[in-house]
Amino acid sequence: MFEDMGKTLILIGIVLVVLGLIMHFGRGLLDLGHLPGDFKWTSESGHTTFYFPLASCIVVSVVLSLLMRFFSK
């Protein structure tokens, strides 16, 4: 049981490191947070801003799902 949990934690760590490197060095390649489906609403007074990165969440979810499916077999 603990071997499986250890492998899973290592995999999650590797995925997070790779994702962090992509987000840091690959700003021009994958502009997460500024995709066409990301919503940003600012009030007329300019004091309140609501931001919901819907498209970015979907992209990250699909990539992580594919990675988990690939590594689970």
N, C-alpha and C. Protein backbone atom coordinates (compact mmCIF):
# COMPACT_ATOMS: atom_id res chain seq x y z
N MET A 1 0.82 -1.19 0.00
CA MET A 1 0.00 0.00 0.00
C MET A 1 0.87 1.26 0.00
N PHE A 2 1.91 1.29 0.84
CA PHE A 2 2.74 2.48 0.93
C PHE A 2 3.61 2.66 -0.32
N GLU A 3 3.93 1.55 -1.01
CA GLU A 3 4.70 1.68 -2.23
C GLU A 3 3.91 2.42 -3.29
N ASP A 4 2.60 2.10 -3.40
CA ASP A 4 1.74 2.77 -4.37
C ASP A 4 1.59 4.24 -4.03
N MET A 5 1.44 4.56 -2.75
CA MET A 5 1.29 5.94 -2.34
C MET A 5 2.58 6.71 -2.61
N GLY A 6 3.72 6.08 -2.37
CA GLY A 6 5.00 6.72 -2.65
C GLY A 6 5.18 7.03 -4.12
N LYS A 7 4.83 6.07 -4.97
CA LYS A 7 4.93 6.28 -6.42
C LYS A 7 4.00 7.40 -6.87
N THR A 8 2.81 7.43 -6.30
CA THR A 8 1.85 8.48 -6.66
C THR A 8 2.37 9.84 -6.24
N LEU A 9 2.92 9.95 -5.04
CA LEU A 9 3.46 11.23 -4.58
C LEU A 9 4.64 11.68 -5.43
N ILE A 10 5.50 10.75 -5.83
CA ILE A 10 6.61 11.09 -6.71
C ILE A 10 6.10 11.58 -8.05
N LEU A 11 5.10 10.91 -8.60
CA LEU A 11 4.51 11.31 -9.88
C LEU A 11 3.90 12.69 -9.78
N ILE A 12 3.16 12.96 -8.72
CA ILE A 12 2.54 14.27 -8.54
C ILE A 12 3.63 15.35 -8.43
N GLY A 13 4.71 15.04 -7.71
CA GLY A 13 5.81 15.99 -7.59
C GLY A 13 6.46 16.29 -8.92
N ILE A 14 6.69 15.25 -9.72
CA ILE A 14 7.31 15.45 -11.03
C ILE A 14 6.40 16.28 -11.93
N VAL A 15 5.11 15.98 -11.91
CA VAL A 15 4.15 16.73 -12.72
C VAL A 15 4.14 18.20 -12.30
N LEU A 16 4.16 18.46 -11.00
CA LEU A 16 4.15 19.84 -10.52
C LEU A 16 5.43 20.59 -10.90
N VAL A 17 6.56 19.91 -10.82
CA VAL A 17 7.82 20.55 -11.21
C VAL A 17 7.81 20.87 -12.70
N VAL A 18 7.39 19.92 -13.53
CA VAL A 18 7.34 20.15 -14.98
C VAL A 18 6.36 21.27 -15.30
N LEU A 19 5.20 21.27 -14.67
CA LEU A 19 4.22 22.32 -14.90
C LEU A 19 4.76 23.67 -14.46
N GLY A 20 5.46 23.71 -13.34
CA GLY A 20 6.07 24.95 -12.88
C GLY A 20 7.13 25.47 -13.83
N LEU A 21 7.95 24.58 -14.36
CA LEU A 21 8.96 24.98 -15.34
C LEU A 21 8.33 25.51 -16.62
N ILE A 22 7.27 24.84 -17.07
CA ILE A 22 6.58 25.29 -18.28
C ILE A 22 5.97 26.67 -18.05
N MET A 23 5.36 26.87 -16.89
CA MET A 23 4.73 28.16 -16.61
C MET A 23 5.77 29.27 -16.45
N HIS A 24 6.94 28.94 -15.91
CA HIS A 24 7.96 29.96 -15.69
C HIS A 24 8.72 30.31 -16.97
N PHE A 25 9.18 29.30 -17.69
CA PHE A 25 10.01 29.54 -18.86
C PHE A 25 9.24 29.59 -20.17
N GLY A 26 8.06 29.04 -20.21
CA GLY A 26 7.31 28.96 -21.45
C GLY A 26 6.12 29.89 -21.51
N ARG A 27 6.28 31.11 -21.00
CA ARG A 27 5.17 32.07 -20.99
C ARG A 27 4.59 32.30 -22.38
N GLY A 28 5.45 32.37 -23.39
CA GLY A 28 4.97 32.62 -24.74
C GLY A 28 4.33 31.39 -25.38
N LEU A 29 4.74 30.21 -24.94
CA LEU A 29 4.22 28.98 -25.53
C LEU A 29 2.80 28.67 -25.05
N LEU A 30 2.61 28.74 -23.76
CA LEU A 30 1.33 28.39 -23.17
C LEU A 30 0.93 29.51 -22.23
N ASP A 31 0.07 30.38 -22.69
CA ASP A 31 -0.28 31.58 -21.93
C ASP A 31 -1.49 31.29 -21.04
N LEU A 32 -1.29 30.41 -20.05
CA LEU A 32 -2.38 30.09 -19.14
C LEU A 32 -2.80 31.33 -18.37
N GLY A 33 -4.09 31.49 -18.22
CA GLY A 33 -4.61 32.65 -17.52
C GLY A 33 -5.05 33.75 -18.46
N HIS A 34 -4.67 33.64 -19.72
CA HIS A 34 -5.05 34.65 -20.71
C HIS A 34 -5.60 34.01 -21.97
N LEU A 35 -6.22 32.86 -21.84
CA LEU A 35 -6.80 32.18 -22.99
C LEU A 35 -8.15 32.81 -23.34
N PRO A 36 -8.65 32.58 -24.55
CA PRO A 36 -9.92 33.21 -24.96
C PRO A 36 -11.12 32.86 -24.08
N GLY A 37 -11.12 31.73 -23.39
CA GLY A 37 -12.25 31.37 -22.55
C GLY A 37 -12.11 31.77 -21.09
N ASP A 38 -11.10 32.56 -20.76
CA ASP A 38 -10.91 33.04 -19.40
C ASP A 38 -11.68 34.35 -19.22
N PHE A 39 -12.49 34.41 -18.18
CA PHE A 39 -13.38 35.55 -17.97
C PHE A 39 -12.80 36.52 -16.95
N LYS A 40 -12.86 37.81 -17.28
CA LYS A 40 -12.44 38.86 -16.36
C LYS A 40 -13.49 39.96 -16.40
N TRP A 41 -14.01 40.29 -15.23
CA TRP A 41 -15.02 41.32 -15.13
C TRP A 41 -14.57 42.34 -14.10
N THR A 42 -14.58 43.61 -14.47
CA THR A 42 -14.22 44.69 -13.56
C THR A 42 -15.43 45.59 -13.41
N SER A 43 -15.72 45.97 -12.17
CA SER A 43 -16.87 46.84 -11.92
C SER A 43 -16.64 48.21 -12.56
N GLU A 44 -17.72 48.95 -12.72
CA GLU A 44 -17.62 50.27 -13.35
C GLU A 44 -16.76 51.22 -12.52
N SER A 45 -16.78 51.06 -11.21
CA SER A 45 -15.97 51.94 -10.37
C SER A 45 -14.50 51.53 -10.38
N GLY A 46 -14.22 50.29 -10.79
CA GLY A 46 -12.85 49.83 -10.87
C GLY A 46 -12.31 49.27 -9.56
N HIS A 47 -13.15 49.20 -8.52
CA HIS A 47 -12.69 48.73 -7.22
C HIS A 47 -12.79 47.21 -7.07
N THR A 48 -13.61 46.58 -7.89
CA THR A 48 -13.82 45.14 -7.78
C THR A 48 -13.52 44.47 -9.11
N THR A 49 -12.75 43.39 -9.03
CA THR A 49 -12.44 42.61 -10.23
C THR A 49 -12.72 41.15 -9.94
N PHE A 50 -13.42 40.50 -10.86
CA PHE A 50 -13.71 39.07 -10.76
C PHE A 50 -13.02 38.39 -11.94
N TYR A 51 -12.25 37.36 -11.64
CA TYR A 51 -11.51 36.65 -12.68
C TYR A 51 -11.76 35.16 -12.53
N PHE A 52 -12.18 34.51 -13.62
CA PHE A 52 -12.43 33.07 -13.61
C PHE A 52 -11.77 32.45 -14.84
N PRO A 53 -10.64 31.74 -14.66
CA PRO A 53 -9.91 31.17 -15.80
C PRO A 53 -10.50 29.83 -16.26
N LEU A 54 -11.65 29.86 -16.86
CA LEU A 54 -12.35 28.64 -17.27
C LEU A 54 -11.56 27.83 -18.30
N ALA A 55 -11.12 28.46 -19.36
CA ALA A 55 -10.38 27.74 -20.41
C ALA A 55 -9.07 27.19 -19.88
N SER A 56 -8.38 27.96 -19.05
CA SER A 56 -7.12 27.49 -18.48
C SER A 56 -7.35 26.28 -17.58
N CYS A 57 -8.42 26.29 -16.81
CA CYS A 57 -8.74 25.14 -15.95
C CYS A 57 -9.03 23.90 -16.78
N ILE A 58 -9.72 24.07 -17.89
CA ILE A 58 -10.03 22.93 -18.77
C ILE A 58 -8.75 22.37 -19.38
N VAL A 59 -7.85 23.23 -19.84
CA VAL A 59 -6.59 22.77 -20.44
C VAL A 59 -5.77 22.00 -19.42
N VAL A 60 -5.63 22.54 -18.22
CA VAL A 60 -4.86 21.87 -17.17
C VAL A 60 -5.51 20.53 -16.80
N SER A 61 -6.83 20.50 -16.72
CA SER A 61 -7.54 19.26 -16.38
C SER A 61 -7.32 18.18 -17.44
N VAL A 62 -7.39 18.54 -18.70
CA VAL A 62 -7.19 17.57 -19.77
C VAL A 62 -5.76 17.04 -19.76
N VAL A 63 -4.79 17.93 -19.59
CA VAL A 63 -3.39 17.50 -19.58
C VAL A 63 -3.12 16.57 -18.39
N LEU A 64 -3.60 16.95 -17.21
CA LEU A 64 -3.39 16.09 -16.04
C LEU A 64 -4.12 14.76 -16.17
N SER A 65 -5.31 14.76 -16.74
CA SER A 65 -6.04 13.51 -16.96
C SER A 65 -5.29 12.58 -17.91
N LEU A 66 -4.74 13.15 -18.97
CA LEU A 66 -3.97 12.33 -19.91
C LEU A 66 -2.71 11.78 -19.26
N LEU A 67 -2.03 12.60 -18.48
CA LEU A 67 -0.83 12.13 -17.79
C LEU A 67 -1.15 11.02 -16.79
N MET A 68 -2.22 11.19 -16.03
CA MET A 68 -2.60 10.17 -15.06
C MET A 68 -3.02 8.87 -15.75
N ARG A 69 -3.71 9.01 -16.87
CA ARG A 69 -4.11 7.81 -17.62
C ARG A 69 -2.89 7.09 -18.20
N PHE A 70 -1.93 7.88 -18.68
CA PHE A 70 -0.72 7.30 -19.26
C PHE A 70 0.12 6.58 -18.20
N PHE A 71 0.27 7.19 -17.02
CA PHE A 71 1.12 6.62 -15.99
C PHE A 71 0.42 5.58 -15.12
N SER A 72 -0.90 5.46 -15.23
CA SER A 72 -1.60 4.47 -14.39
C SER A 72 -1.54 3.07 -14.98
N LYS A 73 -1.15 2.93 -16.24
CA LYS A 73 -1.12 1.60 -16.87
C LYS A 73 0.23 0.96 -16.73
